[in-house]
């Protein structure tokens, strides 16, 4: 997953790119936390960066279980 903040008139938005997987390949669900939150149990960090959440820019971490 790749995310960047992009200016799309009239405001910034999340612009995400996802990797296409082979048919039948399923990944474990993800959890998104604020950067300073403790990591969820039995999850691995897969991405960290800025996202717009509820209209505000937040630094977040994406975890996969």
Protein backbone atom coordinates (compact mmCIF):
# COMPACT_ATOMS: atom_id res chain seq x y z
CA UNK A 1 0.00 0.00 0.00
CA UNK A 2 1.19 3.48 -0.80
CA UNK A 3 -0.54 6.61 0.46
CA UNK A 4 0.20 10.25 -0.17
CA UNK A 5 -1.63 13.47 0.51
CA UNK A 6 -2.69 15.04 -2.78
CA UNK A 7 -4.18 18.46 -3.52
CA UNK A 8 -7.45 17.91 -5.37
CA UNK A 9 -9.33 21.19 -5.60
CA UNK A 10 -10.64 22.38 -3.20
CA UNK A 11 -8.67 20.45 -0.56
CA UNK A 12 -6.14 17.74 0.25
CA UNK A 13 -7.22 14.11 0.07
CA UNK A 14 -5.71 10.65 0.61
CA UNK A 15 -4.43 9.17 -2.65
CA UNK A 16 -3.82 5.45 -2.20
CA UNK A 17 -2.25 2.83 -4.44
CA UNK A 18 -2.67 -0.88 -3.74
CA UNK A 19 -0.75 -3.88 -5.05
CA UNK A 20 -2.78 -6.25 -7.23
CA UNK A 21 -2.62 -9.82 -5.93
CA UNK A 22 -3.19 -13.09 -7.74
CA UNK A 23 -6.73 -14.47 -7.75
CA UNK A 24 -7.53 -16.28 -4.52
CA UNK A 25 -4.79 -14.59 -2.45
CA UNK A 26 -6.26 -13.15 0.73
CA UNK A 27 -4.29 -11.11 3.27
CA UNK A 28 -4.97 -10.78 6.96
CA UNK A 29 -7.03 -7.77 7.99
CA UNK A 30 -5.32 -4.53 8.89
CA UNK A 31 -5.60 -2.20 11.87
CA UNK A 32 -4.81 1.51 11.67
CA UNK A 33 -3.59 3.32 14.79
CA UNK A 34 -2.20 6.73 15.62
CA UNK A 35 1.58 6.77 15.51
CA UNK A 36 1.93 6.99 19.29
CA UNK A 37 -0.54 4.21 20.14
CA UNK A 38 0.78 0.87 21.36
CA UNK A 39 1.03 -1.81 18.66
CA UNK A 40 -1.85 -4.28 18.46
CA UNK A 41 -1.04 -7.78 19.70
CA UNK A 42 0.26 -10.21 17.04
CA UNK A 43 0.44 -7.59 14.27
CA UNK A 44 3.32 -6.45 12.05
CA UNK A 45 3.83 -2.85 10.94
CA UNK A 46 3.35 -2.56 7.16
CA UNK A 47 3.16 1.20 6.61
CA UNK A 48 3.45 4.50 8.44
CA UNK A 49 2.76 8.01 7.21
CA UNK A 50 0.36 10.94 7.08
CA UNK A 51 -3.32 10.47 6.28
CA UNK A 52 -6.38 12.66 6.49
CA UNK A 53 -8.63 11.24 9.20
CA UNK A 54 -11.95 12.91 10.01
CA UNK A 55 -10.83 16.06 8.19
CA UNK A 56 -7.45 16.39 9.99
CA UNK A 57 -3.96 15.27 9.05
CA UNK A 58 -2.75 12.46 11.34
CA UNK A 59 0.43 10.41 11.46
CA UNK A 60 -0.76 6.79 11.47
CA UNK A 61 0.60 3.25 11.42
CA UNK A 62 -0.99 0.38 9.50
CA UNK A 63 -0.60 -3.08 11.04
CA UNK A 64 -1.38 -6.48 9.52
CA UNK A 65 -2.37 -9.39 11.79
